[in-house]
C-alpha cells in the first residue's frame, strides 16, 4: 500500500482509498477485457465494490474496522427500497411514486457530496478574510492518535 497505509485520513476516506488501490492492483494483475467508453460511463463506486464480489473479498483479506464496514454497507444499500421508502400518490391521476431513502454515508457519491457541501460552508464561515494558500501535510500513522 505504500504511502496510503502511513497517512492519517478520516476513516471513511481512508477505507475508500485503500480499497480502490487494492482493486487497481487486482485489475492490473488480471485484465481480461478492456472496457468500452459506454461501460466506463456506467462504472460507479458502488459498482466497483459490488463487481466480482470485490467488497466481500476485500473484507476477508484485510483487517477492516467496524466503522468502515458500516459506512460501506450503508453506501451499498443507498436508495435500496428494502431499506425503506416514502410513497407519494397524485390525488388527480392516482399515480404512485416510490422514493427510496438515502444512506447519508460520507463515502456515498451522492450523499457524501451533500455532507461535503455543508461541511465546506461551515469552514468557509470560519476563515479569515485574507489571502491564503491551502496546504495539506501528510502525517505518519503513528501520530494520528495524538491528533484525534
N, C-alpha and C. Protein backbone atom coordinates (compact mmCIF):
# COMPACT_ATOMS: atom_id res chain seq x y z
N UNK A 1 0.81 -1.20 0.00
CA UNK A 1 0.00 0.00 0.00
C UNK A 1 0.85 1.26 0.00
N UNK A 2 2.07 1.19 0.42
CA UNK A 2 2.95 2.35 0.37
C UNK A 2 2.47 3.49 1.23
N UNK A 3 2.36 4.66 0.63
CA UNK A 3 2.04 5.89 1.36
C UNK A 3 0.65 5.84 1.98
N UNK A 4 -0.33 5.22 1.30
CA UNK A 4 -1.70 5.21 1.81
C UNK A 4 -1.81 4.60 3.20
N UNK A 5 -1.01 3.59 3.48
CA UNK A 5 -1.12 2.93 4.78
C UNK A 5 -0.41 3.72 5.88
N UNK A 6 0.28 4.79 5.53
CA UNK A 6 1.04 5.53 6.53
C UNK A 6 0.50 6.93 6.79
N UNK A 7 -0.60 7.32 6.17
CA UNK A 7 -1.11 8.66 6.40
C UNK A 7 -2.39 8.62 7.22
N UNK A 8 -2.72 9.72 7.83
CA UNK A 8 -3.90 9.81 8.69
C UNK A 8 -5.02 10.50 7.92
N UNK A 9 -6.06 9.77 7.61
CA UNK A 9 -7.21 10.32 6.89
C UNK A 9 -8.47 10.01 7.68
N UNK A 10 -9.57 10.72 7.40
CA UNK A 10 -10.84 10.32 8.01
C UNK A 10 -11.11 8.85 7.67
N UNK A 11 -11.72 8.12 8.60
CA UNK A 11 -11.92 6.68 8.45
C UNK A 11 -12.55 6.31 7.11
N UNK A 12 -13.62 6.98 6.74
CA UNK A 12 -14.34 6.62 5.52
C UNK A 12 -13.49 6.86 4.29
N UNK A 13 -12.76 7.96 4.26
CA UNK A 13 -11.92 8.27 3.10
C UNK A 13 -10.76 7.29 3.00
N UNK A 14 -10.17 6.94 4.14
CA UNK A 14 -9.03 6.03 4.09
C UNK A 14 -9.44 4.66 3.59
N UNK A 15 -10.60 4.14 4.02
CA UNK A 15 -11.03 2.82 3.55
C UNK A 15 -11.31 2.86 2.06
N UNK A 16 -11.88 3.95 1.58
CA UNK A 16 -12.17 4.06 0.16
C UNK A 16 -10.88 4.10 -0.66
N UNK A 17 -9.90 4.88 -0.22
CA UNK A 17 -8.63 4.97 -0.95
C UNK A 17 -7.87 3.64 -0.93
N UNK A 18 -7.84 2.99 0.22
CA UNK A 18 -7.13 1.71 0.32
C UNK A 18 -7.82 0.66 -0.54
N UNK A 19 -9.15 0.65 -0.50
CA UNK A 19 -9.90 -0.31 -1.29
C UNK A 19 -9.69 -0.09 -2.78
N UNK A 20 -9.74 1.16 -3.21
CA UNK A 20 -9.52 1.45 -4.63
C UNK A 20 -8.11 1.08 -5.07
N UNK A 21 -7.13 1.31 -4.20
CA UNK A 21 -5.75 0.91 -4.51
C UNK A 21 -5.67 -0.61 -4.66
N UNK A 22 -6.32 -1.31 -3.76
CA UNK A 22 -6.37 -2.77 -3.82
C UNK A 22 -7.00 -3.25 -5.13
N UNK A 23 -8.10 -2.62 -5.53
CA UNK A 23 -8.77 -3.02 -6.76
C UNK A 23 -7.92 -2.73 -7.99
N UNK A 24 -7.26 -1.59 -8.00
CA UNK A 24 -6.39 -1.25 -9.13
C UNK A 24 -5.30 -2.30 -9.28
N UNK A 25 -4.74 -2.72 -8.15
CA UNK A 25 -3.71 -3.77 -8.17
C UNK A 25 -4.28 -5.06 -8.75
N UNK A 26 -5.49 -5.43 -8.31
CA UNK A 26 -6.13 -6.65 -8.81
C UNK A 26 -6.39 -6.55 -10.31
N UNK A 27 -6.86 -5.41 -10.75
CA UNK A 27 -7.18 -5.21 -12.16
C UNK A 27 -5.91 -5.30 -13.01
N UNK A 28 -4.83 -4.69 -12.53
CA UNK A 28 -3.56 -4.73 -13.27
C UNK A 28 -3.08 -6.17 -13.45
N UNK A 29 -3.36 -7.00 -12.44
CA UNK A 29 -2.88 -8.38 -12.49
C UNK A 29 -3.72 -9.27 -13.40
N UNK A 30 -4.98 -8.90 -13.61
CA UNK A 30 -5.85 -9.78 -14.41
C UNK A 30 -6.81 -8.99 -15.28
N UNK A 31 -6.28 -8.34 -16.30
CA UNK A 31 -7.15 -7.63 -17.24
C UNK A 31 -7.56 -8.64 -18.31
N UNK A 32 -8.84 -9.01 -18.29
CA UNK A 32 -9.32 -9.97 -19.28
C UNK A 32 -10.06 -9.26 -20.40
N UNK A 33 -10.39 -7.99 -20.17
CA UNK A 33 -11.19 -7.29 -21.17
C UNK A 33 -11.05 -5.79 -20.94
N UNK A 34 -10.83 -5.05 -21.99
CA UNK A 34 -10.69 -3.60 -21.88
C UNK A 34 -12.07 -2.99 -22.05
N UNK A 35 -12.56 -2.24 -21.04
CA UNK A 35 -13.92 -1.70 -21.11
C UNK A 35 -14.07 -0.64 -22.21
N UNK A 36 -15.25 -0.62 -22.81
CA UNK A 36 -15.56 0.39 -23.81
C UNK A 36 -15.94 1.68 -23.10
N UNK A 37 -16.05 2.78 -23.85
CA UNK A 37 -16.42 4.05 -23.22
C UNK A 37 -17.82 3.99 -22.64
N UNK A 38 -18.72 3.22 -23.25
CA UNK A 38 -20.06 3.06 -22.70
C UNK A 38 -20.01 2.35 -21.35
N UNK A 39 -19.18 1.33 -21.25
CA UNK A 39 -19.05 0.60 -19.98
C UNK A 39 -18.42 1.48 -18.91
N UNK A 40 -17.44 2.29 -19.29
CA UNK A 40 -16.77 3.17 -18.34
C UNK A 40 -17.76 4.18 -17.76
N UNK A 41 -18.67 4.70 -18.59
CA UNK A 41 -19.67 5.65 -18.12
C UNK A 41 -20.58 5.06 -17.05
N UNK A 42 -20.76 3.73 -17.07
CA UNK A 42 -21.65 3.07 -16.11
C UNK A 42 -20.93 2.67 -14.82
N UNK A 43 -19.62 2.84 -14.76
CA UNK A 43 -18.87 2.43 -13.58
C UNK A 43 -19.02 3.47 -12.48
N UNK A 44 -19.48 3.03 -11.33
CA UNK A 44 -19.64 3.89 -10.16
C UNK A 44 -18.83 3.27 -9.02
N UNK A 45 -18.70 4.03 -7.93
CA UNK A 45 -18.02 3.48 -6.75
C UNK A 45 -18.77 2.24 -6.26
N UNK A 46 -20.09 2.33 -6.23
CA UNK A 46 -20.89 1.19 -5.80
C UNK A 46 -20.63 -0.02 -6.71
N UNK A 47 -20.55 0.20 -8.01
CA UNK A 47 -20.28 -0.88 -8.96
C UNK A 47 -18.93 -1.53 -8.67
N UNK A 48 -17.92 -0.71 -8.41
CA UNK A 48 -16.58 -1.23 -8.13
C UNK A 48 -16.60 -2.13 -6.89
N UNK A 49 -17.31 -1.71 -5.86
CA UNK A 49 -17.39 -2.51 -4.63
C UNK A 49 -18.13 -3.82 -4.87
N UNK A 50 -19.22 -3.76 -5.67
CA UNK A 50 -20.06 -4.94 -5.86
C UNK A 50 -19.55 -5.88 -6.95
N UNK A 51 -18.91 -5.34 -7.98
CA UNK A 51 -18.48 -6.15 -9.13
C UNK A 51 -17.54 -7.28 -8.68
N UNK A 52 -17.82 -8.45 -9.19
CA UNK A 52 -16.96 -9.61 -8.94
C UNK A 52 -16.82 -9.90 -7.44
N UNK A 53 -17.80 -9.47 -6.66
CA UNK A 53 -17.80 -9.70 -5.20
C UNK A 53 -16.57 -9.06 -4.53
N UNK A 54 -16.12 -7.92 -5.05
CA UNK A 54 -14.89 -7.27 -4.57
C UNK A 54 -14.93 -6.92 -3.09
N UNK A 55 -16.03 -6.37 -2.61
CA UNK A 55 -16.10 -5.94 -1.21
C UNK A 55 -15.96 -7.13 -0.27
N UNK A 56 -16.63 -8.22 -0.57
CA UNK A 56 -16.54 -9.41 0.29
C UNK A 56 -15.13 -9.98 0.28
N UNK A 57 -14.50 -10.01 -0.88
CA UNK A 57 -13.11 -10.49 -0.97
C UNK A 57 -12.17 -9.60 -0.16
N UNK A 58 -12.39 -8.30 -0.28
CA UNK A 58 -11.53 -7.34 0.43
C UNK A 58 -11.67 -7.51 1.95
N UNK A 59 -12.92 -7.65 2.43
CA UNK A 59 -13.14 -7.81 3.87
C UNK A 59 -12.45 -9.05 4.42
N UNK A 60 -12.40 -10.11 3.62
CA UNK A 60 -11.75 -11.35 4.07
C UNK A 60 -10.24 -11.22 4.13
N UNK A 61 -9.65 -10.46 3.21
CA UNK A 61 -8.19 -10.33 3.14
C UNK A 61 -7.64 -9.28 4.09
N UNK A 62 -8.39 -8.23 4.35
CA UNK A 62 -7.89 -7.09 5.12
C UNK A 62 -8.58 -7.02 6.48
N UNK A 63 -7.89 -6.41 7.43
CA UNK A 63 -8.47 -6.17 8.75
C UNK A 63 -9.30 -4.89 8.66
N UNK A 64 -10.59 -5.04 8.45
CA UNK A 64 -11.48 -3.90 8.25
C UNK A 64 -12.19 -3.55 9.55
N UNK A 65 -12.12 -2.27 9.93
CA UNK A 65 -12.77 -1.83 11.17
C UNK A 65 -14.29 -1.79 11.01
N UNK A 66 -14.98 -1.86 12.15
CA UNK A 66 -16.44 -1.85 12.14
C UNK A 66 -17.01 -0.59 11.49
N UNK A 67 -16.40 0.57 11.76
CA UNK A 67 -16.90 1.82 11.19
C UNK A 67 -16.77 1.79 9.67
N UNK A 68 -15.72 1.19 9.16
CA UNK A 68 -15.53 1.09 7.72
C UNK A 68 -16.57 0.16 7.10
N UNK A 69 -16.79 -0.98 7.74
CA UNK A 69 -17.80 -1.92 7.25
C UNK A 69 -19.18 -1.26 7.24
N UNK A 70 -19.50 -0.55 8.33
CA UNK A 70 -20.80 0.10 8.46
C UNK A 70 -21.02 1.13 7.34
N UNK A 71 -20.01 1.98 7.09
CA UNK A 71 -20.14 3.02 6.07
C UNK A 71 -20.26 2.44 4.67
N UNK A 72 -19.48 1.41 4.38
CA UNK A 72 -19.55 0.79 3.05
C UNK A 72 -20.90 0.10 2.86
N UNK A 73 -21.35 -0.63 3.88
CA UNK A 73 -22.65 -1.31 3.77
C UNK A 73 -23.78 -0.30 3.59
N UNK A 74 -23.71 0.83 4.31
CA UNK A 74 -24.71 1.88 4.12
C UNK A 74 -24.70 2.38 2.68
N UNK A 75 -23.50 2.63 2.15
CA UNK A 75 -23.37 3.13 0.78
C UNK A 75 -23.91 2.11 -0.23
N UNK A 76 -23.62 0.84 -0.02
CA UNK A 76 -24.09 -0.19 -0.94
C UNK A 76 -25.61 -0.33 -0.93
N UNK A 77 -26.24 0.03 0.18
CA UNK A 77 -27.70 -0.06 0.29
C UNK A 77 -28.40 1.27 0.06
N UNK A 78 -27.67 2.28 -0.39
CA UNK A 78 -28.27 3.59 -0.63
C UNK A 78 -29.38 3.48 -1.68
N UNK A 79 -30.50 4.08 -1.37
CA UNK A 79 -31.68 4.09 -2.26
C UNK A 79 -32.21 2.69 -2.57
N UNK A 80 -31.96 1.76 -1.66
CA UNK A 80 -32.49 0.41 -1.80
C UNK A 80 -33.88 0.39 -1.15
N UNK A 81 -34.93 0.12 -1.92
CA UNK A 81 -36.29 0.14 -1.35
C UNK A 81 -36.45 -0.81 -0.16
N UNK A 82 -35.65 -1.86 -0.09
CA UNK A 82 -35.73 -2.80 1.04
C UNK A 82 -35.34 -2.12 2.35
N UNK A 83 -34.59 -1.00 2.27
CA UNK A 83 -34.17 -0.26 3.45
C UNK A 83 -35.18 0.82 3.84
N UNK A 84 -36.27 0.90 3.12
CA UNK A 84 -37.33 1.86 3.42
C UNK A 84 -37.51 2.87 2.30
N UNK A 85 -38.72 3.39 2.20
CA UNK A 85 -39.02 4.36 1.16
C UNK A 85 -40.26 5.16 1.54
N UNK A 86 -40.41 6.29 0.88
CA UNK A 86 -41.61 7.12 1.04
C UNK A 86 -42.49 6.88 -0.19
N UNK A 87 -43.79 6.96 0.00
CA UNK A 87 -44.73 6.77 -1.09
C UNK A 87 -45.52 8.05 -1.30
N UNK A 88 -45.60 8.49 -2.55
CA UNK A 88 -46.37 9.68 -2.90
C UNK A 88 -47.40 9.28 -3.94
N UNK A 89 -48.63 9.76 -3.76
CA UNK A 89 -49.68 9.44 -4.71
C UNK A 89 -50.37 10.72 -5.17
N UNK A 90 -50.51 10.85 -6.48
CA UNK A 90 -51.17 12.01 -7.06
C UNK A 90 -52.68 11.90 -6.79
N UNK A 91 -53.27 12.98 -6.29
CA UNK A 91 -54.71 12.97 -5.99
C UNK A 91 -55.56 12.98 -7.25
N UNK A 92 -55.00 13.50 -8.34
CA UNK A 92 -55.78 13.61 -9.58
C UNK A 92 -55.76 12.34 -10.42
N UNK A 93 -54.56 11.77 -10.61
CA UNK A 93 -54.45 10.62 -11.53
C UNK A 93 -54.13 9.31 -10.81
N UNK A 94 -53.96 9.35 -9.51
CA UNK A 94 -53.64 8.16 -8.70
C UNK A 94 -52.29 7.52 -9.03
N UNK A 95 -51.42 8.26 -9.73
CA UNK A 95 -50.07 7.74 -9.99
C UNK A 95 -49.32 7.65 -8.66
N UNK A 96 -48.62 6.55 -8.46
CA UNK A 96 -47.87 6.35 -7.22
C UNK A 96 -46.38 6.40 -7.53
N UNK A 97 -45.64 7.14 -6.72
CA UNK A 97 -44.19 7.25 -6.87
C UNK A 97 -43.56 6.77 -5.57
N UNK A 98 -42.59 5.87 -5.69
CA UNK A 98 -41.85 5.37 -4.54
C UNK A 98 -40.49 6.04 -4.51
N UNK A 99 -40.12 6.61 -3.38
CA UNK A 99 -38.84 7.31 -3.26
C UNK A 99 -38.03 6.63 -2.16
N UNK A 100 -37.04 5.80 -2.53
CA UNK A 100 -36.22 5.10 -1.53
C UNK A 100 -35.39 6.08 -0.70
N UNK A 101 -35.17 5.73 0.56
CA UNK A 101 -34.37 6.57 1.45
C UNK A 101 -32.89 6.49 1.07
N UNK A 102 -32.16 7.57 1.35
CA UNK A 102 -30.72 7.60 1.09
C UNK A 102 -29.96 7.11 2.31
N UNK A 103 -28.67 6.84 2.13
CA UNK A 103 -27.85 6.27 3.21
C UNK A 103 -27.20 7.33 4.10
N UNK A 104 -26.96 8.51 3.56
CA UNK A 104 -26.30 9.61 4.28
C UNK A 104 -24.87 9.25 4.71
N UNK A 105 -24.25 8.33 4.00
CA UNK A 105 -22.87 7.95 4.28
C UNK A 105 -21.92 8.94 3.62
N UNK A 106 -20.82 9.23 4.29
CA UNK A 106 -19.86 10.18 3.73
C UNK A 106 -19.11 9.62 2.53
N UNK A 107 -19.07 8.30 2.36
CA UNK A 107 -18.36 7.75 1.21
C UNK A 107 -19.28 7.54 0.01
N UNK A 108 -20.56 7.75 0.18
CA UNK A 108 -21.51 7.61 -0.92
C UNK A 108 -21.34 8.79 -1.88
N UNK A 109 -21.28 8.51 -3.17
CA UNK A 109 -21.02 9.59 -4.13
C UNK A 109 -22.14 10.61 -4.20
N UNK A 110 -23.38 10.23 -3.90
CA UNK A 110 -24.45 11.23 -3.91
C UNK A 110 -24.67 11.83 -2.52
N UNK A 111 -24.76 11.02 -1.50
CA UNK A 111 -24.98 11.54 -0.13
C UNK A 111 -23.75 12.26 0.40
N UNK A 112 -22.58 11.76 0.07
CA UNK A 112 -21.34 12.36 0.55
C UNK A 112 -21.14 13.77 0.04
N UNK A 113 -21.61 14.06 -1.16
CA UNK A 113 -21.48 15.40 -1.71
C UNK A 113 -22.25 16.40 -0.86
N UNK A 114 -23.43 16.02 -0.42
CA UNK A 114 -24.23 16.90 0.44
C UNK A 114 -23.48 17.18 1.74
N UNK A 115 -22.89 16.13 2.31
CA UNK A 115 -22.12 16.27 3.55
C UNK A 115 -20.96 17.24 3.34
N UNK A 116 -20.22 17.07 2.24
CA UNK A 116 -19.07 17.92 1.95
C UNK A 116 -19.51 19.37 1.72
N UNK A 117 -20.62 19.57 1.02
CA UNK A 117 -21.11 20.93 0.78
C UNK A 117 -21.44 21.65 2.09
N UNK A 118 -22.11 20.95 3.00
CA UNK A 118 -22.45 21.55 4.30
C UNK A 118 -21.18 21.82 5.09
N UNK A 119 -20.27 20.85 5.14
CA UNK A 119 -19.02 21.00 5.87
C UNK A 119 -18.21 22.16 5.31
N UNK A 120 -18.12 22.27 3.98
CA UNK A 120 -17.36 23.35 3.34
C UNK A 120 -17.95 24.71 3.68
N UNK A 121 -19.27 24.79 3.67
CA UNK A 121 -19.93 26.05 4.01
C UNK A 121 -19.61 26.49 5.43
N UNK A 122 -19.58 25.56 6.35
CA UNK A 122 -19.23 25.88 7.74
C UNK A 122 -17.78 26.35 7.84
N UNK A 123 -16.88 25.65 7.15
CA UNK A 123 -15.47 26.03 7.20
C UNK A 123 -15.25 27.40 6.56
N UNK A 124 -15.97 27.71 5.50
CA UNK A 124 -15.83 28.99 4.83
C UNK A 124 -16.16 30.14 5.78
N UNK A 125 -17.16 29.94 6.62
CA UNK A 125 -17.53 30.96 7.59
C UNK A 125 -16.50 31.14 8.69
N UNK A 126 -15.63 30.16 8.89
CA UNK A 126 -14.61 30.23 9.94
C UNK A 126 -13.30 30.84 9.45
N UNK A 127 -13.16 31.03 8.15
CA UNK A 127 -11.89 31.51 7.59
C UNK A 127 -11.76 33.02 7.72
N UNK A 128 -10.53 33.46 7.86
CA UNK A 128 -10.24 34.89 7.90
C UNK A 128 -10.39 35.47 6.50
N UNK A 129 -10.77 36.72 6.42
CA UNK A 129 -10.94 37.40 5.12
C UNK A 129 -9.59 37.94 4.64
N UNK A 130 -8.64 37.05 4.42
CA UNK A 130 -7.31 37.43 3.94
C UNK A 130 -6.90 36.43 2.85
N UNK A 131 -5.95 36.84 2.03
CA UNK A 131 -5.41 35.91 1.03
C UNK A 131 -4.71 34.77 1.76
N UNK A 132 -4.87 33.58 1.25
CA UNK A 132 -4.24 32.44 1.91
C UNK A 132 -3.99 31.34 0.89
N UNK A 133 -3.23 30.36 1.30
CA UNK A 133 -2.98 29.17 0.48
C UNK A 133 -3.38 27.95 1.32
N UNK A 134 -3.95 27.01 0.66
CA UNK A 134 -4.35 25.77 1.32
C UNK A 134 -3.21 24.77 1.16
N UNK A 135 -2.75 24.20 2.26
CA UNK A 135 -1.67 23.22 2.21
C UNK A 135 -2.11 21.97 2.96
N UNK A 136 -1.72 20.82 2.46
CA UNK A 136 -2.03 19.55 3.10
C UNK A 136 -0.72 18.86 3.45
N UNK A 137 -0.62 18.44 4.70
CA UNK A 137 0.58 17.76 5.16
C UNK A 137 0.25 16.30 5.46
N UNK A 138 1.13 15.41 5.09
CA UNK A 138 0.96 14.00 5.40
C UNK A 138 1.48 13.75 6.81
N UNK A 139 0.66 13.07 7.59
CA UNK A 139 1.02 12.78 8.98
C UNK A 139 1.22 11.28 9.11
N UNK A 140 2.34 10.83 9.66
CA UNK A 140 2.56 9.39 9.84
C UNK A 140 1.46 8.77 10.70
N UNK A 141 1.12 7.54 10.41
CA UNK A 141 0.08 6.84 11.14
C UNK A 141 0.36 6.80 12.64
N UNK A 142 1.61 6.73 13.02
CA UNK A 142 1.97 6.67 14.44
C UNK A 142 1.58 7.94 15.20
N UNK A 143 1.35 9.05 14.49
CA UNK A 143 0.98 10.31 15.14
C UNK A 143 -0.52 10.59 15.10
N UNK A 144 -1.29 9.77 14.40
CA UNK A 144 -2.73 10.02 14.25
C UNK A 144 -3.46 10.04 15.58
N UNK A 145 -3.12 9.13 16.48
CA UNK A 145 -3.82 9.05 17.76
C UNK A 145 -3.59 10.30 18.61
N UNK A 146 -2.51 11.02 18.36
CA UNK A 146 -2.21 12.23 19.12
C UNK A 146 -3.05 13.41 18.63
N UNK A 147 -3.58 13.32 17.43
CA UNK A 147 -4.34 14.42 16.85
C UNK A 147 -5.83 14.29 17.14
N UNK A 148 -6.37 13.08 17.01
CA UNK A 148 -7.82 12.90 17.15
C UNK A 148 -8.26 12.66 18.55
